[in-house]
PDB file of N, CA and C in Angstrom:
ATOM      1  N   UNK A   1      13.309 -37.768  24.334  1.00  0.00           N
ATOM      2  CA  UNK A   1      11.868 -37.729  24.378  1.00  0.00           C
ATOM      3  C   UNK A   1      11.422 -36.593  25.291  1.00  0.00           C
ATOM      4  N   UNK A   2      10.429 -35.822  24.821  1.00  0.00           N
ATOM      5  CA  UNK A   2       9.970 -34.675  25.592  1.00  0.00           C
ATOM      6  C   UNK A   2       8.962 -35.088  26.650  1.00  0.00           C
ATOM      7  N   UNK A   3       9.019 -34.340  27.755  1.00  0.00           N
ATOM      8  CA  UNK A   3       8.049 -34.583  28.824  1.00  0.00           C
ATOM      9  C   UNK A   3       6.699 -33.972  28.424  1.00  0.00           C
ATOM     10  N   UNK A   4       5.676 -34.311  29.173  1.00  0.00           N
ATOM     11  CA  UNK A   4       4.327 -33.781  28.914  1.00  0.00           C
ATOM     12  C   UNK A   4       4.328 -32.256  29.010  1.00  0.00           C
ATOM     13  N   UNK A   5       5.024 -31.701  30.013  1.00  0.00           N
ATOM     14  CA  UNK A   5       5.053 -30.242  30.181  1.00  0.00           C
ATOM     15  C   UNK A   5       5.798 -29.575  29.022  1.00  0.00           C
ATOM     16  N   UNK A   6       6.847 -30.204  28.498  1.00  0.00           N
ATOM     17  CA  UNK A   6       7.565 -29.655  27.342  1.00  0.00           C
ATOM     18  C   UNK A   6       6.677 -29.671  26.102  1.00  0.00           C
ATOM     19  N   UNK A   7       5.920 -30.746  25.916  1.00  0.00           N
ATOM     20  CA  UNK A   7       5.001 -30.827  24.776  1.00  0.00           C
ATOM     21  C   UNK A   7       3.890 -29.785  24.890  1.00  0.00           C
ATOM     22  N   UNK A   8       3.390 -29.558  26.103  1.00  0.00           N
ATOM     23  CA  UNK A   8       2.354 -28.540  26.316  1.00  0.00           C
ATOM     24  C   UNK A   8       2.897 -27.147  26.034  1.00  0.00           C
ATOM     25  N   UNK A   9       4.125 -26.888  26.489  1.00  0.00           N
ATOM     26  CA  UNK A   9       4.754 -25.599  26.219  1.00  0.00           C
ATOM     27  C   UNK A   9       4.960 -25.402  24.725  1.00  0.00           C
ATOM     28  N   UNK A  10       5.447 -26.426  24.023  1.00  0.00           N
ATOM     29  CA  UNK A  10       5.616 -26.348  22.572  1.00  0.00           C
ATOM     30  C   UNK A  10       4.299 -26.052  21.869  1.00  0.00           C
ATOM     31  N   UNK A  11       3.233 -26.709  22.294  1.00  0.00           N
ATOM     32  CA  UNK A  11       1.911 -26.496  21.690  1.00  0.00           C
ATOM     33  C   UNK A  11       1.428 -25.071  21.946  1.00  0.00           C
ATOM     34  N   UNK A  12       1.656 -24.569  23.169  1.00  0.00           N
ATOM     35  CA  UNK A  12       1.253 -23.199  23.507  1.00  0.00           C
ATOM     36  C   UNK A  12       2.025 -22.191  22.652  1.00  0.00           C
ATOM     37  N   UNK A  13       3.335 -22.375  22.528  1.00  0.00           N
ATOM     38  CA  UNK A  13       4.150 -21.473  21.720  1.00  0.00           C
ATOM     39  C   UNK A  13       3.738 -21.500  20.252  1.00  0.00           C
ATOM     40  N   UNK A  14       3.435 -22.677  19.741  1.00  0.00           N
ATOM     41  CA  UNK A  14       2.987 -22.801  18.351  1.00  0.00           C
ATOM     42  C   UNK A  14       1.652 -22.097  18.134  1.00  0.00           C
ATOM     43  N   UNK A  15       0.736 -22.218  19.080  1.00  0.00           N
ATOM     44  CA  UNK A  15      -0.559 -21.543  18.985  1.00  0.00           C
ATOM     45  C   UNK A  15      -0.373 -20.023  19.006  1.00  0.00           C
ATOM     46  N   UNK A  16       0.510 -19.524  19.871  1.00  0.00           N
ATOM     47  CA  UNK A  16       0.792 -18.086  19.918  1.00  0.00           C
ATOM     48  C   UNK A  16       1.409 -17.609  18.616  1.00  0.00           C
ATOM     49  N   UNK A  17       2.325 -18.374  18.051  1.00  0.00           N
ATOM     50  CA  UNK A  17       2.982 -18.032  16.788  1.00  0.00           C
ATOM     51  C   UNK A  17       1.959 -17.981  15.644  1.00  0.00           C
ATOM     52  N   UNK A  18       1.057 -18.959  15.620  1.00  0.00           N
ATOM     53  CA  UNK A  18       0.029 -19.002  14.582  1.00  0.00           C
ATOM     54  C   UNK A  18      -0.886 -17.788  14.678  1.00  0.00           C
ATOM     55  N   UNK A  19      -1.289 -17.427  15.881  1.00  0.00           N
ATOM     56  CA  UNK A  19      -2.138 -16.256  16.089  1.00  0.00           C
ATOM     57  C   UNK A  19      -1.414 -14.978  15.669  1.00  0.00           C
ATOM     58  N   UNK A  20      -0.161 -14.834  16.056  1.00  0.00           N
ATOM     59  CA  UNK A  20       0.621 -13.653  15.701  1.00  0.00           C
ATOM     60  C   UNK A  20       0.798 -13.544  14.193  1.00  0.00           C
ATOM     61  N   UNK A  21       1.069 -14.666  13.528  1.00  0.00           N
ATOM     62  CA  UNK A  21       1.267 -14.651  12.082  1.00  0.00           C
ATOM     63  C   UNK A  21      -0.015 -14.317  11.334  1.00  0.00           C
ATOM     64  N   UNK A  22      -1.158 -14.684  11.900  1.00  0.00           N
ATOM     65  CA  UNK A  22      -2.441 -14.400  11.253  1.00  0.00           C
ATOM     66  C   UNK A  22      -2.787 -12.920  11.330  1.00  0.00           C
ATOM     67  N   UNK A  23      -2.347 -12.230  12.380  1.00  0.00           N
ATOM     68  CA  UNK A  23      -2.654 -10.820  12.549  1.00  0.00           C
ATOM     69  C   UNK A  23      -1.492 -10.121  13.248  1.00  0.00           C
ATOM     70  N   UNK A  24      -0.391  -9.909  12.521  1.00  0.00           N
ATOM     71  CA  UNK A  24       0.778  -9.278  13.158  1.00  0.00           C
ATOM     72  C   UNK A  24       0.490  -7.829  13.561  1.00  0.00           C
ATOM     73  N   UNK A  25       1.135  -7.401  14.636  1.00  0.00           N
ATOM     74  CA  UNK A  25       0.969  -6.023  15.094  1.00  0.00           C
ATOM     75  C   UNK A  25       1.601  -5.037  14.122  1.00  0.00           C
ATOM     76  N   UNK A  26       2.687  -5.428  13.503  1.00  0.00           N
ATOM     77  CA  UNK A  26       3.388  -4.549  12.560  1.00  0.00           C
ATOM     78  C   UNK A  26       3.561  -5.297  11.241  1.00  0.00           C
ATOM     79  N   UNK A  27       3.372  -4.575  10.150  1.00  0.00           N
ATOM     80  CA  UNK A  27       3.544  -5.154   8.818  1.00  0.00           C
ATOM     81  C   UNK A  27       4.522  -4.287   8.040  1.00  0.00           C
ATOM     82  N   UNK A  28       5.238  -4.928   7.140  1.00  0.00           N
ATOM     83  CA  UNK A  28       6.280  -4.252   6.376  1.00  0.00           C
ATOM     84  C   UNK A  28       6.090  -4.510   4.891  1.00  0.00           C
ATOM     85  N   UNK A  29       6.564  -3.573   4.091  1.00  0.00           N
ATOM     86  CA  UNK A  29       6.630  -3.774   2.648  1.00  0.00           C
ATOM     87  C   UNK A  29       8.050  -3.435   2.210  1.00  0.00           C
ATOM     88  N   UNK A  30       8.426  -3.966   1.066  1.00  0.00           N
ATOM     89  CA  UNK A  30       9.812  -3.855   0.614  1.00  0.00           C
ATOM     90  C   UNK A  30       9.858  -3.430  -0.840  1.00  0.00           C
ATOM     91  N   UNK A  31      10.949  -2.776  -1.211  1.00  0.00           N
ATOM     92  CA  UNK A  31      11.190  -2.417  -2.600  1.00  0.00           C
ATOM     93  C   UNK A  31      12.686  -2.495  -2.857  1.00  0.00           C
ATOM     94  N   UNK A  32      13.038  -2.608  -4.126  1.00  0.00           N
ATOM     95  CA  UNK A  32      14.447  -2.661  -4.522  1.00  0.00           C
ATOM     96  C   UNK A  32      14.680  -1.588  -5.577  1.00  0.00           C
ATOM     97  N   UNK A  33      15.693  -0.756  -5.355  1.00  0.00           N
ATOM     98  CA  UNK A  33      16.114   0.258  -6.310  1.00  0.00           C
ATOM     99  C   UNK A  33      17.396  -0.247  -6.950  1.00  0.00           C
ATOM    100  N   UNK A  34      17.407  -0.371  -8.278  1.00  0.00           N
ATOM    101  CA  UNK A  34      18.601  -0.851  -8.992  1.00  0.00           C
ATOM    102  C   UNK A  34      19.188   0.283  -9.799  1.00  0.00           C
ATOM    103  N   UNK A  35      20.484   0.525  -9.611  1.00  0.00           N
ATOM    104  CA  UNK A  35      21.192   1.585 -10.320  1.00  0.00           C
ATOM    105  C   UNK A  35      22.517   1.042 -10.834  1.00  0.00           C
ATOM    106  N   UNK A  36      22.980   1.590 -11.954  1.00  0.00           N
ATOM    107  CA  UNK A  36      24.310   1.246 -12.438  1.00  0.00           C
ATOM    108  C   UNK A  36      25.350   1.662 -11.415  1.00  0.00           C
ATOM    109  N   UNK A  37      26.513   1.017 -11.465  1.00  0.00           N
ATOM    110  CA  UNK A  37      27.534   1.262 -10.437  1.00  0.00           C
ATOM    111  C   UNK A  37      28.055   2.694 -10.461  1.00  0.00           C
ATOM    112  N   UNK A  38      27.930   3.400 -11.585  1.00  0.00           N
ATOM    113  CA  UNK A  38      28.418   4.783 -11.655  1.00  0.00           C
ATOM    114  C   UNK A  38      27.313   5.805 -11.449  1.00  0.00           C
ATOM    115  N   UNK A  39      26.090   5.363 -11.242  1.00  0.00           N
ATOM    116  CA  UNK A  39      24.967   6.277 -11.047  1.00  0.00           C
ATOM    117  C   UNK A  39      25.003   6.880  -9.649  1.00  0.00           C
ATOM    118  N   UNK A  40      24.466   8.084  -9.533  1.00  0.00           N
ATOM    119  CA  UNK A  40      24.354   8.746  -8.231  1.00  0.00           C
ATOM    120  C   UNK A  40      23.068   8.281  -7.559  1.00  0.00           C
ATOM    121  N   UNK A  41      23.177   7.824  -6.346  1.00  0.00           N
ATOM    122  CA  UNK A  41      22.019   7.248  -5.652  1.00  0.00           C
ATOM    123  C   UNK A  41      21.289   8.247  -4.749  1.00  0.00           C
ATOM    124  N   UNK A  42      21.902   9.391  -4.461  1.00  0.00           N
ATOM    125  CA  UNK A  42      21.333  10.293  -3.461  1.00  0.00           C
ATOM    126  C   UNK A  42      19.915  10.748  -3.795  1.00  0.00           C
ATOM    127  N   UNK A  43      19.681  11.190  -5.020  1.00  0.00           N
ATOM    128  CA  UNK A  43      18.363  11.721  -5.367  1.00  0.00           C
ATOM    129  C   UNK A  43      17.270  10.662  -5.229  1.00  0.00           C
ATOM    130  N   UNK A  44      17.397   9.492  -5.886  1.00  0.00           N
ATOM    131  CA  UNK A  44      16.317   8.512  -5.718  1.00  0.00           C
ATOM    132  C   UNK A  44      16.181   8.003  -4.278  1.00  0.00           C
ATOM    133  N   UNK A  45      17.286   7.883  -3.556  1.00  0.00           N
ATOM    134  CA  UNK A  45      17.193   7.442  -2.162  1.00  0.00           C
ATOM    135  C   UNK A  45      16.524   8.504  -1.295  1.00  0.00           C
ATOM    136  N   UNK A  46      16.828   9.782  -1.526  1.00  0.00           N
ATOM    137  CA  UNK A  46      16.169  10.849  -0.777  1.00  0.00           C
ATOM    138  C   UNK A  46      14.675  10.909  -1.080  1.00  0.00           C
ATOM    139  N   UNK A  47      14.315  10.674  -2.342  1.00  0.00           N
ATOM    140  CA  UNK A  47      12.899  10.655  -2.705  1.00  0.00           C
ATOM    141  C   UNK A  47      12.175   9.508  -2.001  1.00  0.00           C
ATOM    142  N   UNK A  48      12.792   8.335  -1.986  1.00  0.00           N
ATOM    143  CA  UNK A  48      12.186   7.200  -1.296  1.00  0.00           C
ATOM    144  C   UNK A  48      12.147   7.430   0.214  1.00  0.00           C
ATOM    145  N   UNK A  49      13.208   8.009   0.776  1.00  0.00           N
ATOM    146  CA  UNK A  49      13.237   8.318   2.203  1.00  0.00           C
ATOM    147  C   UNK A  49      12.129   9.281   2.597  1.00  0.00           C
ATOM    148  N   UNK A  50      11.834  10.250   1.737  1.00  0.00           N
ATOM    149  CA  UNK A  50      10.747  11.195   2.007  1.00  0.00           C
ATOM    150  C   UNK A  50       9.391  10.506   2.004  1.00  0.00           C
ATOM    151  N   UNK A  51       9.305   9.357   1.368  1.00  0.00           N
ATOM    152  CA  UNK A  51       8.058   8.585   1.329  1.00  0.00           C
ATOM    153  C   UNK A  51       8.011   7.516   2.419  1.00  0.00           C
ATOM    154  N   UNK A  52       8.999   7.536   3.327  1.00  0.00           N
ATOM    155  CA  UNK A  52       8.983   6.622   4.460  1.00  0.00           C
ATOM    156  C   UNK A  52       9.834   5.371   4.308  1.00  0.00           C
ATOM    157  N   UNK A  53      10.531   5.226   3.183  1.00  0.00           N
ATOM    158  CA  UNK A  53      11.358   4.038   2.966  1.00  0.00           C
ATOM    159  C   UNK A  53      12.678   4.180   3.713  1.00  0.00           C
ATOM    160  N   UNK A  54      13.166   3.069   4.257  1.00  0.00           N
ATOM    161  CA  UNK A  54      14.435   3.036   4.981  1.00  0.00           C
ATOM    162  C   UNK A  54      15.347   2.027   4.305  1.00  0.00           C
ATOM    163  N   UNK A  55      16.580   2.440   4.042  1.00  0.00           N
ATOM    164  CA  UNK A  55      17.566   1.564   3.423  1.00  0.00           C
ATOM    165  C   UNK A  55      18.024   0.512   4.421  1.00  0.00           C
ATOM    166  N   UNK A  56      17.987  -0.758   4.007  1.00  0.00           N
ATOM    167  CA  UNK A  56      18.411  -1.820   4.910  1.00  0.00           C
ATOM    168  C   UNK A  56      19.636  -2.573   4.403  1.00  0.00           C
ATOM    169  N   UNK A  57      19.870  -2.545   3.077  1.00  0.00           N
ATOM    170  CA  UNK A  57      21.039  -3.245   2.550  1.00  0.00           C
ATOM    171  C   UNK A  57      21.318  -2.796   1.120  1.00  0.00           C
ATOM    172  N   UNK A  58      22.601  -2.847   0.746  1.00  0.00           N
ATOM    173  CA  UNK A  58      23.025  -2.577  -0.625  1.00  0.00           C
ATOM    174  C   UNK A  58      23.953  -3.703  -1.040  1.00  0.00           C
ATOM    175  N   UNK A  59      23.707  -4.255  -2.236  1.00  0.00           N
ATOM    176  CA  UNK A  59      24.631  -5.257  -2.767  1.00  0.00           C
ATOM    177  C   UNK A  59      24.961  -4.910  -4.211  1.00  0.00           C
ATOM    178  N   UNK A  60      26.140  -5.295  -4.650  1.00  0.00           N
ATOM    179  CA  UNK A  60      26.538  -5.116  -6.045  1.00  0.00           C
ATOM    180  C   UNK A  60      26.409  -6.474  -6.725  1.00  0.00           C
ATOM    181  N   UNK A  61      25.677  -6.484  -7.832  1.00  0.00           N
ATOM    182  CA  UNK A  61      25.454  -7.733  -8.544  1.00  0.00           C
ATOM    183  C   UNK A  61      25.204  -7.458 -10.015  1.00  0.00           C
ATOM    184  N   UNK A  62      25.780  -8.260 -10.875  1.00  0.00           N
ATOM    185  CA  UNK A  62      25.559  -8.174 -12.319  1.00  0.00           C
ATOM    186  C   UNK A  62      25.721  -6.757 -12.880  1.00  0.00           C
ATOM    187  N   UNK A  63      26.711  -6.034 -12.417  1.00  0.00           N
ATOM    188  CA  UNK A  63      27.005  -4.715 -12.955  1.00  0.00           C
ATOM    189  C   UNK A  63      26.118  -3.592 -12.460  1.00  0.00           C
ATOM    190  N   UNK A  64      25.339  -3.818 -11.439  1.00  0.00           N
ATOM    191  CA  UNK A  64      24.535  -2.742 -10.864  1.00  0.00           C
ATOM    192  C   UNK A  64      24.494  -2.873  -9.341  1.00  0.00           C
ATOM    193  N   UNK A  65      24.027  -1.807  -8.712  1.00  0.00           N
ATOM    194  CA  UNK A  65      23.823  -1.815  -7.266  1.00  0.00           C
ATOM    195  C   UNK A  65      22.343  -2.025  -6.988  1.00  0.00           C
ATOM    196  N   UNK A  66      22.047  -2.874  -6.042  1.00  0.00           N
ATOM    197  CA  UNK A  66      20.669  -3.118  -5.623  1.00  0.00           C
ATOM    198  C   UNK A  66      20.518  -2.584  -4.201  1.00  0.00           C
ATOM    199  N   UNK A  67      19.659  -1.590  -4.043  1.00  0.00           N
ATOM    200  CA  UNK A  67      19.386  -0.968  -2.756  1.00  0.00           C
ATOM    201  C   UNK A  67      18.068  -1.557  -2.239  1.00  0.00           C
ATOM    202  N   UNK A  68      18.115  -2.259  -1.129  1.00  0.00           N
ATOM    203  CA  UNK A  68      16.926  -2.877  -0.545  1.00  0.00           C
ATOM    204  C   UNK A  68      16.378  -1.952   0.533  1.00  0.00           C
ATOM    205  N   UNK A  69      15.095  -1.612   0.409  1.00  0.00           N
ATOM    206  CA  UNK A  69      14.459  -0.686   1.332  1.00  0.00           C
ATOM    207  C   UNK A  69      13.187  -1.300   1.907  1.00  0.00           C
ATOM    208  N   UNK A  70      12.823  -0.839   3.104  1.00  0.00           N
ATOM    209  CA  UNK A  70      11.599  -1.295   3.743  1.00  0.00           C
ATOM    210  C   UNK A  70      10.888  -0.111   4.373  1.00  0.00           C
ATOM    211  N   UNK A  71       9.579  -0.278   4.570  1.00  0.00           N
ATOM    212  CA  UNK A  71       8.812   0.694   5.359  1.00  0.00           C
ATOM    213  C   UNK A  71       7.636  -0.031   5.989  1.00  0.00           C
ATOM    214  N   UNK A  72       7.231   0.496   7.124  1.00  0.00           N
ATOM    215  CA  UNK A  72       6.119  -0.109   7.836  1.00  0.00           C
ATOM    216  C   UNK A  72       4.815   0.251   7.139  1.00  0.00           C
ATOM    217  N   UNK A  73       3.942  -0.724   7.028  1.00  0.00           N
ATOM    218  CA  UNK A  73       2.617  -0.497   6.463  1.00  0.00           C
ATOM    219  C   UNK A  73       1.727  -0.062   7.616  1.00  0.00           C
ATOM    220  N   UNK A  74       1.229   1.163   7.541  1.00  0.00           N
ATOM    221  CA  UNK A  74       0.374   1.696   8.594  1.00  0.00           C
ATOM    222  C   UNK A  74      -1.070   1.401   8.208  1.00  0.00           C
ATOM    223  N   UNK A  75      -1.811   0.725   9.082  1.00  0.00           N
ATOM    224  CA  UNK A  75      -3.196   0.397   8.740  1.00  0.00           C
ATOM    225  C   UNK A  75      -4.030   1.658   8.589  1.00  0.00           C
ATOM    226  N   UNK A  76      -4.945   1.630   7.627  1.00  0.00           N
ATOM    227  CA  UNK A  76      -5.884   2.734   7.455  1.00  0.00           C
ATOM    228  C   UNK A  76      -6.833   2.691   8.639  1.00  0.00           C
ATOM    229  N   UNK A  77      -7.149   3.844   9.190  1.00  0.00           N
ATOM    230  CA  UNK A  77      -7.940   3.927  10.417  1.00  0.00           C
ATOM    231  C   UNK A  77      -9.239   3.137  10.314  1.00  0.00           C
ATOM    232  N   UNK A  78      -9.936   3.209   9.183  1.00  0.00           N
ATOM    233  CA  UNK A  78     -11.209   2.493   9.055  1.00  0.00           C
ATOM    234  C   UNK A  78     -10.994   0.985   9.033  1.00  0.00           C
ATOM    235  N   UNK A  79      -9.832   0.514   8.518  1.00  0.00           N
ATOM    236  CA  UNK A  79      -9.532  -0.916   8.535  1.00  0.00           C
ATOM    237  C   UNK A  79      -9.258  -1.398   9.949  1.00  0.00           C
ATOM    238  N   UNK A  80      -8.670  -0.549  10.760  1.00  0.00           N
ATOM    239  CA  UNK A  80      -8.312  -0.925  12.127  1.00  0.00           C
ATOM    240  C   UNK A  80      -9.537  -0.936  13.038  1.00  0.00           C
ATOM    241  N   UNK A  81     -10.607  -0.215  12.643  1.00  0.00           N
ATOM    242  CA  UNK A  81     -11.827  -0.143  13.448  1.00  0.00           C
ATOM    243  C   UNK A  81     -12.622  -1.427  13.253  1.00  0.00           C
ATOM    244  N   UNK A  82     -12.792  -2.189  14.294  1.00  0.00           N
ATOM    245  CA  UNK A  82     -13.433  -3.506  14.170  1.00  0.00           C
ATOM    246  C   UNK A  82     -14.914  -3.430  13.886  1.00  0.00           C
ATOM    247  N   UNK A  83     -15.602  -2.332  14.241  1.00  0.00           N
ATOM    248  CA  UNK A  83     -17.042  -2.296  14.022  1.00  0.00           C
ATOM    249  C   UNK A  83     -17.424  -1.597  12.720  1.00  0.00           C
ATOM    250  N   UNK A  84     -16.441  -1.151  11.944  1.00  0.00           N
ATOM    251  CA  UNK A  84     -16.717  -0.557  10.641  1.00  0.00           C
ATOM    252  C   UNK A  84     -17.166   0.880  10.690  1.00  0.00           C
ATOM    253  N   UNK A  85     -17.220   1.479  11.884  1.00  0.00           N
ATOM    254  CA  UNK A  85     -17.652   2.871  11.984  1.00  0.00           C
ATOM    255  C   UNK A  85     -16.572   3.794  11.448  1.00  0.00           C
ATOM    256  N   UNK A  86     -16.947   4.905  10.865  1.00  0.00           N
ATOM    257  CA  UNK A  86     -15.938   5.844  10.362  1.00  0.00           C
ATOM    258  C   UNK A  86     -15.123   6.413  11.510  1.00  0.00           C
ATOM    259  N   UNK A  87     -13.849   6.775  11.237  1.00  0.00           N
ATOM    260  CA  UNK A  87     -13.001   7.332  12.303  1.00  0.00           C
ATOM    261  C   UNK A  87     -13.512   8.698  12.755  1.00  0.00           C
ATOM    262  N   UNK A  88     -13.188   9.074  13.997  1.00  0.00           N
ATOM    263  CA  UNK A  88     -13.607  10.380  14.542  1.00  0.00           C
ATOM    264  C   UNK A  88     -12.897  11.507  13.868  1.00  0.00           C
TER     265      UNK A  88
END
């Protein structure tokens, strides 16, 4: 059984987690590139890398390679401005 202070700490941590999840400081998006096992991956991976994508994992499945990539979603300046004024 938890003490009162442990329950208060749990409630505080849950409230912080809920707030963070509602408006995270960093956001990510993901994509998957699928190529046959004999295909050359350099060109499409370099093209995606030039667009900000970072390779995080590769798996072989069902006769092809799946390249999992991620990149950070950068907020548009006007979206980040809370008062709606245009950016400087």
